[in-house]
Amino acid sequence: MKKHIGFITLDFSLARWLADTLPTAPRSRAAQELLEGLGDLMNGSTESLMLELGDGEHEAVSEDILRCGDLSIDLRLRRVSRDGAEISLTPKEFDILYFLARNRGEVFTKEQIYQAVWESDYLLDDSNIMAFIRKLRKKIEPNPDAPRYILTIWGIGYKFSDKL
């Protein structure tokens, strides 16, 4: 997915303060991972950390797994399954699915999907995005001709159903 990365220098005193403050924060996997990462920074076993801010609003079960009806999308493992059966996706299919599912209910034009998923220049052609969506539906939808997950909004683009 397209990422904009900023680098911030974290001095030892700020890292120490974060490490001292985090144990009083609400318990979550993200807080624990940040605490471990800060420990690694301070003991010299790593030189940098990469953080991603997620809104958590649409994630149904955990920070890393989206559950949408029978569909489960695991960001860390980049795995998708429906009713427990793993579905093999290409990297771009996964990125498109994750982008739409993470923003379920929002309608995106083909260009917006392209901009969110492709990191480098790619021939933006409506038929390219349409082909990816068609292939994705064949893999994830119980009935691709009557999609439940990825819905077409005629004249605009696509959205991931917010009814699941």
N, C-alpha and C. Protein backbone atom coordinates (compact mmCIF):
# COMPACT_ATOMS: atom_id res chain seq x y z
N MET A 1 0.83 -1.17 0.00
CA MET A 1 0.00 0.00 0.00
C MET A 1 0.88 1.24 0.00
N LYS A 2 0.33 2.31 -0.48
CA LYS A 2 1.07 3.55 -0.55
C LYS A 2 1.26 4.08 0.87
N LYS A 3 2.47 4.41 1.21
CA LYS A 3 2.78 4.90 2.54
C LYS A 3 3.57 6.19 2.45
N HIS A 4 3.31 7.08 3.36
CA HIS A 4 4.10 8.29 3.52
C HIS A 4 4.79 8.14 4.87
N ILE A 5 6.09 8.07 4.87
CA ILE A 5 6.84 7.78 6.08
C ILE A 5 7.58 9.03 6.54
N GLY A 6 7.42 9.36 7.80
CA GLY A 6 8.15 10.46 8.40
C GLY A 6 9.09 9.91 9.45
N PHE A 7 10.24 10.52 9.59
CA PHE A 7 11.22 10.07 10.57
C PHE A 7 11.34 11.10 11.67
N ILE A 8 11.32 10.63 12.90
CA ILE A 8 11.44 11.49 14.07
C ILE A 8 12.56 10.91 14.93
N THR A 9 13.46 11.76 15.35
CA THR A 9 14.53 11.32 16.24
C THR A 9 13.99 11.30 17.66
N LEU A 10 14.14 10.17 18.30
CA LEU A 10 13.66 9.97 19.65
C LEU A 10 14.86 9.93 20.58
N ASP A 11 14.98 10.94 21.46
CA ASP A 11 16.13 10.93 22.36
C ASP A 11 15.88 9.97 23.52
N PHE A 12 16.95 9.63 24.23
CA PHE A 12 16.87 8.62 25.28
C PHE A 12 15.91 9.02 26.39
N SER A 13 15.88 10.31 26.76
CA SER A 13 15.00 10.73 27.86
C SER A 13 13.52 10.59 27.48
N LEU A 14 13.18 10.88 26.23
CA LEU A 14 11.80 10.71 25.80
C LEU A 14 11.45 9.22 25.72
N ALA A 15 12.37 8.41 25.22
CA ALA A 15 12.15 6.96 25.17
C ALA A 15 11.94 6.42 26.58
N ARG A 16 12.74 6.87 27.54
CA ARG A 16 12.60 6.43 28.94
C ARG A 16 11.24 6.83 29.49
N TRP A 17 10.81 8.09 29.22
CA TRP A 17 9.51 8.56 29.70
C TRP A 17 8.38 7.71 29.11
N LEU A 18 8.45 7.43 27.80
CA LEU A 18 7.44 6.59 27.16
C LEU A 18 7.41 5.20 27.79
N ALA A 19 8.59 4.62 28.00
CA ALA A 19 8.68 3.29 28.60
C ALA A 19 8.11 3.29 30.02
N ASP A 20 8.29 4.37 30.75
CA ASP A 20 7.74 4.46 32.10
C ASP A 20 6.23 4.71 32.10
N THR A 21 5.75 5.40 31.09
CA THR A 21 4.34 5.77 31.02
C THR A 21 3.47 4.67 30.42
N LEU A 22 3.99 3.93 29.46
CA LEU A 22 3.19 2.91 28.78
C LEU A 22 2.56 1.86 29.69
N PRO A 23 3.23 1.39 30.73
CA PRO A 23 2.58 0.39 31.59
C PRO A 23 1.28 0.88 32.24
N THR A 24 1.07 2.18 32.31
CA THR A 24 -0.17 2.71 32.88
C THR A 24 -1.24 2.92 31.82
N ALA A 25 -0.89 2.72 30.55
CA ALA A 25 -1.84 2.88 29.45
C ALA A 25 -2.76 1.66 29.41
N PRO A 26 -3.93 1.79 28.75
CA PRO A 26 -4.81 0.63 28.61
C PRO A 26 -4.06 -0.53 27.95
N ARG A 27 -4.31 -1.73 28.42
CA ARG A 27 -3.65 -2.92 27.89
C ARG A 27 -4.09 -3.17 26.45
N SER A 28 -3.12 -3.29 25.59
CA SER A 28 -3.38 -3.65 24.20
C SER A 28 -2.12 -4.26 23.62
N ARG A 29 -2.28 -4.98 22.53
CA ARG A 29 -1.13 -5.56 21.86
C ARG A 29 -0.20 -4.46 21.36
N ALA A 30 -0.78 -3.38 20.84
CA ALA A 30 0.03 -2.28 20.31
C ALA A 30 0.88 -1.63 21.40
N ALA A 31 0.28 -1.42 22.59
CA ALA A 31 1.04 -0.82 23.69
C ALA A 31 2.18 -1.73 24.12
N GLN A 32 1.90 -3.04 24.18
CA GLN A 32 2.94 -4.00 24.56
C GLN A 32 4.07 -4.03 23.54
N GLU A 33 3.72 -4.01 22.25
CA GLU A 33 4.74 -4.03 21.20
C GLU A 33 5.58 -2.75 21.22
N LEU A 34 4.93 -1.61 21.48
CA LEU A 34 5.68 -0.35 21.57
C LEU A 34 6.63 -0.38 22.76
N LEU A 35 6.16 -0.89 23.88
CA LEU A 35 7.01 -1.00 25.07
C LEU A 35 8.22 -1.89 24.79
N GLU A 36 7.99 -3.03 24.12
CA GLU A 36 9.10 -3.92 23.77
C GLU A 36 10.06 -3.24 22.79
N GLY A 37 9.51 -2.52 21.82
CA GLY A 37 10.34 -1.81 20.85
C GLY A 37 11.19 -0.73 21.51
N LEU A 38 10.60 -0.01 22.45
CA LEU A 38 11.36 1.00 23.18
C LEU A 38 12.49 0.36 23.98
N GLY A 39 12.20 -0.80 24.58
CA GLY A 39 13.24 -1.54 25.30
C GLY A 39 14.39 -1.91 24.38
N ASP A 40 14.04 -2.39 23.18
CA ASP A 40 15.07 -2.75 22.20
C ASP A 40 15.89 -1.54 21.78
N LEU A 41 15.23 -0.38 21.63
CA LEU A 41 15.96 0.84 21.29
C LEU A 41 16.94 1.23 22.39
N MET A 42 16.46 1.17 23.62
CA MET A 42 17.29 1.63 24.74
C MET A 42 18.45 0.68 25.05
N ASN A 43 18.27 -0.63 24.78
CA ASN A 43 19.39 -1.55 25.05
C ASN A 43 20.29 -1.73 23.84
N GLY A 44 19.97 -1.05 22.74
CA GLY A 44 20.84 -1.06 21.57
C GLY A 44 20.64 -2.23 20.62
N SER A 45 19.64 -3.09 20.86
CA SER A 45 19.46 -4.23 19.97
C SER A 45 18.75 -3.85 18.67
N THR A 46 18.20 -2.65 18.61
CA THR A 46 17.64 -2.13 17.36
C THR A 46 17.94 -0.64 17.29
N GLU A 47 17.96 -0.12 16.07
CA GLU A 47 18.30 1.29 15.89
C GLU A 47 17.10 2.16 15.58
N SER A 48 15.99 1.54 15.15
CA SER A 48 14.82 2.35 14.81
C SER A 48 13.55 1.53 14.96
N LEU A 49 12.44 2.23 15.08
CA LEU A 49 11.11 1.63 15.13
C LEU A 49 10.27 2.26 14.03
N MET A 50 9.35 1.50 13.50
CA MET A 50 8.40 2.04 12.54
C MET A 50 7.02 1.91 13.17
N LEU A 51 6.30 3.01 13.24
CA LEU A 51 4.98 3.03 13.84
C LEU A 51 3.93 3.32 12.79
N GLU A 52 2.76 2.71 12.97
CA GLU A 52 1.63 3.02 12.09
C GLU A 52 0.45 3.32 12.98
N LEU A 53 -0.22 4.42 12.71
CA LEU A 53 -1.39 4.80 13.48
C LEU A 53 -2.62 4.28 12.77
N GLY A 54 -3.35 3.40 13.42
CA GLY A 54 -4.60 2.88 12.88
C GLY A 54 -5.75 3.45 13.69
N ASP A 55 -6.92 3.61 13.05
CA ASP A 55 -8.03 4.21 13.78
C ASP A 55 -8.76 3.20 14.66
N GLY A 56 -8.63 1.89 14.37
CA GLY A 56 -9.26 0.89 15.20
C GLY A 56 -10.77 0.88 15.11
N GLU A 57 -11.35 1.88 14.45
CA GLU A 57 -12.80 2.02 14.42
C GLU A 57 -13.48 0.87 13.68
N HIS A 58 -12.88 0.38 12.61
CA HIS A 58 -13.53 -0.63 11.79
C HIS A 58 -13.07 -2.04 12.08
N GLU A 59 -12.04 -2.19 12.90
CA GLU A 59 -11.54 -3.53 13.16
C GLU A 59 -12.42 -4.20 14.19
N ALA A 60 -12.96 -5.36 13.81
CA ALA A 60 -13.96 -6.01 14.64
C ALA A 60 -13.38 -6.84 15.76
N VAL A 61 -12.22 -7.48 15.59
CA VAL A 61 -11.72 -8.39 16.61
C VAL A 61 -10.43 -7.92 17.23
N SER A 62 -9.44 -7.59 16.44
CA SER A 62 -8.17 -7.14 16.98
C SER A 62 -7.60 -6.09 16.06
N GLU A 63 -6.43 -5.59 16.43
CA GLU A 63 -5.82 -4.56 15.62
C GLU A 63 -5.29 -5.10 14.29
N ASP A 64 -5.06 -6.40 14.21
CA ASP A 64 -4.41 -6.97 13.04
C ASP A 64 -5.33 -7.78 12.14
N ILE A 65 -6.48 -8.17 12.64
CA ILE A 65 -7.39 -9.02 11.87
C ILE A 65 -8.72 -8.32 11.71
N LEU A 66 -9.13 -8.17 10.46
CA LEU A 66 -10.45 -7.63 10.16
C LEU A 66 -11.39 -8.81 9.96
N ARG A 67 -12.53 -8.78 10.60
CA ARG A 67 -13.54 -9.82 10.38
C ARG A 67 -14.76 -9.13 9.78
N CYS A 68 -15.16 -9.64 8.64
CA CYS A 68 -16.28 -9.07 7.91
C CYS A 68 -17.17 -10.23 7.49
N GLY A 69 -18.20 -10.50 8.26
CA GLY A 69 -19.02 -11.66 7.98
C GLY A 69 -18.17 -12.91 8.09
N ASP A 70 -18.18 -13.74 7.06
CA ASP A 70 -17.40 -14.99 7.05
C ASP A 70 -15.96 -14.76 6.62
N LEU A 71 -15.62 -13.55 6.26
CA LEU A 71 -14.30 -13.22 5.74
C LEU A 71 -13.39 -12.73 6.87
N SER A 72 -12.17 -13.24 6.88
CA SER A 72 -11.17 -12.82 7.86
C SER A 72 -9.93 -12.37 7.11
N ILE A 73 -9.45 -11.16 7.42
CA ILE A 73 -8.30 -10.58 6.73
C ILE A 73 -7.23 -10.27 7.76
N ASP A 74 -6.12 -11.02 7.69
CA ASP A 74 -5.02 -10.87 8.65
C ASP A 74 -3.92 -10.04 8.01
N LEU A 75 -3.76 -8.81 8.50
CA LEU A 75 -2.78 -7.89 7.92
C LEU A 75 -1.35 -8.38 8.12
N ARG A 76 -1.02 -8.82 9.32
CA ARG A 76 0.36 -9.23 9.60
C ARG A 76 0.80 -10.41 8.75
N LEU A 77 -0.06 -11.40 8.62
CA LEU A 77 0.29 -12.59 7.85
C LEU A 77 -0.10 -12.47 6.38
N ARG A 78 -0.83 -11.39 6.06
CA ARG A 78 -1.32 -11.17 4.70
C ARG A 78 -2.08 -12.39 4.21
N ARG A 79 -2.98 -12.87 5.08
CA ARG A 79 -3.81 -14.03 4.76
C ARG A 79 -5.27 -13.65 4.80
N VAL A 80 -6.01 -14.28 3.91
CA VAL A 80 -7.45 -14.08 3.85
C VAL A 80 -8.09 -15.45 3.90
N SER A 81 -9.16 -15.56 4.68
CA SER A 81 -9.90 -16.82 4.71
C SER A 81 -11.39 -16.52 4.77
N ARG A 82 -12.17 -17.46 4.25
CA ARG A 82 -13.62 -17.39 4.32
C ARG A 82 -14.10 -18.69 4.92
N ASP A 83 -14.85 -18.61 5.98
CA ASP A 83 -15.32 -19.79 6.71
C ASP A 83 -14.15 -20.69 7.09
N GLY A 84 -13.00 -20.10 7.42
CA GLY A 84 -11.84 -20.86 7.85
C GLY A 84 -10.97 -21.40 6.73
N ALA A 85 -11.43 -21.32 5.48
CA ALA A 85 -10.64 -21.82 4.34
C ALA A 85 -9.81 -20.68 3.78
N GLU A 86 -8.49 -20.89 3.70
CA GLU A 86 -7.60 -19.85 3.21
C GLU A 86 -7.82 -19.59 1.72
N ILE A 87 -7.76 -18.32 1.37
CA ILE A 87 -7.93 -17.87 -0.02
C ILE A 87 -6.61 -17.27 -0.47
N SER A 88 -6.08 -17.76 -1.56
CA SER A 88 -4.81 -17.27 -2.09
C SER A 88 -5.04 -16.02 -2.93
N LEU A 89 -4.38 -14.92 -2.52
CA LEU A 89 -4.49 -13.66 -3.25
C LEU A 89 -3.11 -13.19 -3.67
N THR A 90 -3.06 -12.45 -4.77
CA THR A 90 -1.81 -11.81 -5.17
C THR A 90 -1.58 -10.63 -4.20
N PRO A 91 -0.36 -10.10 -4.14
CA PRO A 91 -0.12 -8.96 -3.26
C PRO A 91 -1.04 -7.77 -3.53
N LYS A 92 -1.28 -7.44 -4.78
CA LYS A 92 -2.15 -6.29 -5.09
C LYS A 92 -3.60 -6.59 -4.76
N GLU A 93 -4.05 -7.82 -4.99
CA GLU A 93 -5.41 -8.18 -4.62
C GLU A 93 -5.59 -8.02 -3.11
N PHE A 94 -4.58 -8.49 -2.35
CA PHE A 94 -4.66 -8.34 -0.90
C PHE A 94 -4.73 -6.86 -0.51
N ASP A 95 -3.85 -6.05 -1.10
CA ASP A 95 -3.82 -4.63 -0.77
C ASP A 95 -5.15 -3.94 -1.07
N ILE A 96 -5.74 -4.26 -2.20
CA ILE A 96 -7.04 -3.67 -2.56
C ILE A 96 -8.10 -4.12 -1.57
N LEU A 97 -8.15 -5.42 -1.28
CA LEU A 97 -9.14 -5.94 -0.34
C LEU A 97 -8.97 -5.31 1.03
N TYR A 98 -7.75 -5.26 1.53
CA TYR A 98 -7.51 -4.69 2.85
C TYR A 98 -7.90 -3.21 2.89
N PHE A 99 -7.53 -2.47 1.86
CA PHE A 99 -7.88 -1.05 1.79
C PHE A 99 -9.39 -0.86 1.85
N LEU A 100 -10.12 -1.60 1.03
CA LEU A 100 -11.58 -1.45 1.00
C LEU A 100 -12.21 -1.90 2.31
N ALA A 101 -11.76 -3.05 2.85
CA ALA A 101 -12.36 -3.58 4.08
C ALA A 101 -12.06 -2.68 5.27
N ARG A 102 -10.88 -2.13 5.31
CA ARG A 102 -10.51 -1.24 6.42
C ARG A 102 -11.34 0.05 6.40
N ASN A 103 -11.80 0.41 5.23
CA ASN A 103 -12.62 1.61 5.06
C ASN A 103 -14.05 1.25 4.68
N ARG A 104 -14.54 0.15 5.24
CA ARG A 104 -15.85 -0.35 4.81
C ARG A 104 -16.93 0.72 4.92
N GLY A 105 -17.79 0.67 3.92
CA GLY A 105 -18.88 1.64 3.85
C GLY A 105 -18.54 2.88 3.04
N GLU A 106 -17.25 3.20 2.91
CA GLU A 106 -16.84 4.38 2.13
C GLU A 106 -16.77 4.00 0.65
N VAL A 107 -17.23 4.91 -0.18
CA VAL A 107 -17.20 4.69 -1.63
C VAL A 107 -15.92 5.31 -2.18
N PHE A 108 -15.20 4.53 -3.00
CA PHE A 108 -13.96 5.00 -3.61
C PHE A 108 -14.04 4.89 -5.11
N THR A 109 -13.52 5.93 -5.80
CA THR A 109 -13.42 5.86 -7.24
C THR A 109 -12.27 4.92 -7.59
N LYS A 110 -12.20 4.52 -8.83
CA LYS A 110 -11.09 3.65 -9.27
C LYS A 110 -9.76 4.38 -9.08
N GLU A 111 -9.74 5.67 -9.33
CA GLU A 111 -8.51 6.44 -9.16
C GLU A 111 -8.08 6.49 -7.69
N GLN A 112 -9.03 6.64 -6.79
CA GLN A 112 -8.69 6.66 -5.36
C GLN A 112 -8.13 5.31 -4.91
N ILE A 113 -8.67 4.23 -5.40
CA ILE A 113 -8.15 2.90 -5.07
C ILE A 113 -6.73 2.78 -5.60
N TYR A 114 -6.55 3.19 -6.83
CA TYR A 114 -5.22 3.16 -7.44
C TYR A 114 -4.22 3.95 -6.60
N GLN A 115 -4.57 5.16 -6.22
CA GLN A 115 -3.65 6.01 -5.46
C GLN A 115 -3.34 5.44 -4.08
N ALA A 116 -4.30 4.75 -3.50
CA ALA A 116 -4.10 4.18 -2.16
C ALA A 116 -3.24 2.92 -2.18
N VAL A 117 -3.24 2.20 -3.28
CA VAL A 117 -2.62 0.87 -3.30
C VAL A 117 -1.30 0.83 -4.06
N TRP A 118 -1.19 1.55 -5.16
CA TRP A 118 0.04 1.47 -5.95
C TRP A 118 1.08 2.45 -5.44
N GLU A 119 2.28 1.97 -5.24
CA GLU A 119 3.37 2.81 -4.74
C GLU A 119 4.06 3.55 -5.87
N SER A 120 4.13 2.94 -7.02
CA SER A 120 4.83 3.57 -8.14
C SER A 120 3.85 3.83 -9.26
N ASP A 121 4.33 4.50 -10.28
CA ASP A 121 3.48 4.78 -11.42
C ASP A 121 3.00 3.49 -12.05
N TYR A 122 1.76 3.47 -12.41
CA TYR A 122 1.13 2.31 -13.01
C TYR A 122 0.11 2.86 -13.97
N LEU A 123 -0.11 2.19 -15.03
CA LEU A 123 -1.07 2.68 -16.02
C LEU A 123 -2.46 2.69 -15.41
N LEU A 124 -2.92 3.88 -15.06
CA LEU A 124 -4.26 4.00 -14.50
C LEU A 124 -5.25 3.92 -15.64
N ASP A 125 -5.93 2.84 -15.65
CA ASP A 125 -6.93 2.57 -16.67
C ASP A 125 -8.09 1.92 -15.93
N ASP A 126 -9.28 2.42 -16.13
CA ASP A 126 -10.44 1.86 -15.44
C ASP A 126 -10.50 0.35 -15.55
N SER A 127 -10.11 -0.18 -16.71
CA SER A 127 -10.21 -1.63 -16.90
C SER A 127 -9.23 -2.39 -16.03
N ASN A 128 -8.08 -1.77 -15.66
CA ASN A 128 -7.13 -2.44 -14.77
C ASN A 128 -7.74 -2.65 -13.39
N ILE A 129 -8.31 -1.61 -12.80
CA ILE A 129 -8.93 -1.73 -11.48
C ILE A 129 -10.12 -2.67 -11.57
N MET A 130 -10.90 -2.55 -12.62
CA MET A 130 -12.06 -3.43 -12.78
C MET A 130 -11.63 -4.89 -12.87
N ALA A 131 -10.52 -5.16 -13.54
CA ALA A 131 -10.03 -6.54 -13.65
C ALA A 131 -9.59 -7.06 -12.28
N PHE A 132 -8.91 -6.23 -11.49
CA PHE A 132 -8.51 -6.66 -10.15
C PHE A 132 -9.73 -6.96 -9.28
N ILE A 133 -10.74 -6.10 -9.35
CA ILE A 133 -11.96 -6.30 -8.56
C ILE A 133 -12.66 -7.57 -9.00
N ARG A 134 -12.73 -7.81 -10.30
CA ARG A 134 -13.37 -9.02 -10.82
C ARG A 134 -12.66 -10.27 -10.32
N LYS A 135 -11.31 -10.27 -10.38
CA LYS A 135 -10.54 -11.42 -9.90
C LYS A 135 -10.71 -11.61 -8.40
N LEU A 136 -10.72 -10.52 -7.69
CA LEU A 136 -10.90 -10.56 -6.24
C LEU A 136 -12.26 -11.15 -5.88
N ARG A 137 -13.29 -10.71 -6.57
CA ARG A 137 -14.63 -11.24 -6.31
C ARG A 137 -14.71 -12.74 -6.59
N LYS A 138 -14.06 -13.19 -7.65
CA LYS A 138 -14.07 -14.62 -7.96
C LYS A 138 -13.47 -15.44 -6.83
N LYS A 139 -12.50 -14.84 -6.13
CA LYS A 139 -11.81 -15.56 -5.07
C LYS A 139 -12.52 -15.47 -3.72
N ILE A 140 -13.09 -14.31 -3.39
CA ILE A 140 -13.62 -14.14 -2.03
C ILE A 140 -15.14 -14.27 -1.92
N GLU A 141 -15.85 -14.02 -2.99
CA GLU A 141 -17.31 -14.01 -2.92
C GLU A 141 -17.88 -15.43 -3.07
N PRO A 142 -18.87 -15.79 -2.25
CA PRO A 142 -19.54 -17.07 -2.44
C PRO A 142 -20.21 -17.14 -3.82
N ASN A 143 -20.78 -16.01 -4.26
CA ASN A 143 -21.38 -15.92 -5.59
C ASN A 143 -20.89 -14.61 -6.22
N PRO A 144 -19.84 -14.68 -7.05
CA PRO A 144 -19.26 -13.45 -7.63
C PRO A 144 -20.24 -12.63 -8.45
N ASP A 145 -21.30 -13.27 -8.98
CA ASP A 145 -22.28 -12.53 -9.77
C ASP A 145 -23.25 -11.72 -8.90
N ALA A 146 -23.29 -12.05 -7.60
CA ALA A 146 -24.11 -11.30 -6.65
C ALA A 146 -23.24 -11.00 -5.43
N PRO A 147 -22.28 -10.09 -5.57
CA PRO A 147 -21.30 -9.85 -4.51
C PRO A 147 -21.92 -9.35 -3.20
N ARG A 148 -21.35 -9.87 -2.09
CA ARG A 148 -21.76 -9.45 -0.75
C ARG A 148 -20.72 -8.53 -0.13
N TYR A 149 -19.46 -8.70 -0.52
CA TYR A 149 -18.37 -7.96 0.12
C TYR A 149 -18.02 -6.69 -0.63
N ILE A 150 -17.55 -6.83 -1.85
CA ILE A 150 -17.15 -5.66 -2.65
C ILE A 150 -18.31 -5.29 -3.57
N LEU A 151 -18.87 -4.12 -3.30
CA LEU A 151 -20.06 -3.68 -4.03
C LEU A 151 -19.70 -2.60 -5.04
N THR A 152 -20.35 -2.65 -6.19
CA THR A 152 -20.17 -1.63 -7.21
C THR A 152 -21.16 -0.51 -6.95
N ILE A 153 -20.68 0.70 -6.94
CA ILE A 153 -21.54 1.88 -6.85
C ILE A 153 -21.51 2.49 -8.25
N TRP A 154 -22.54 2.22 -9.00
CA TRP A 154 -22.56 2.58 -10.42
C TRP A 154 -22.28 4.06 -10.65
N GLY A 155 -21.39 4.32 -11.58
CA GLY A 155 -21.03 5.68 -11.95
C GLY A 155 -20.00 6.31 -11.03
N ILE A 156 -19.63 5.61 -9.93
CA ILE A 156 -18.66 6.17 -8.99
C ILE A 156 -17.47 5.24 -8.81
N GLY A 157 -17.70 4.05 -8.30
CA GLY A 157 -16.59 3.13 -8.03
C GLY A 157 -17.03 1.94 -7.20
N TYR A 158 -16.33 1.71 -6.08
CA TYR A 158 -16.56 0.52 -5.27
C TYR A 158 -16.55 0.85 -3.79
N LYS A 159 -17.19 -0.03 -3.03
CA LYS A 159 -17.10 0.06 -1.58
C LYS A 159 -17.18 -1.35 -1.01
N PHE A 160 -16.66 -1.50 0.18
CA PHE A 160 -16.78 -2.75 0.91
C PHE A 160 -18.04 -2.63 1.76
N SER A 161 -18.87 -3.65 1.72
CA SER A 161 -20.16 -3.60 2.42
C SER A 161 -19.98 -3.34 3.91
N ASP A 162 -20.79 -2.44 4.41
CA ASP A 162 -20.78 -2.16 5.84
C ASP A 162 -21.93 -2.88 6.54
N LYS A 163 -22.59 -3.79 5.84
CA LYS A 163 -23.72 -4.53 6.39
C LYS A 163 -23.32 -5.88 6.96
N LEU A 164 -22.03 -6.22 6.88
CA LEU A 164 -21.57 -7.54 7.37
C LEU A 164 -21.03 -7.44 8.75
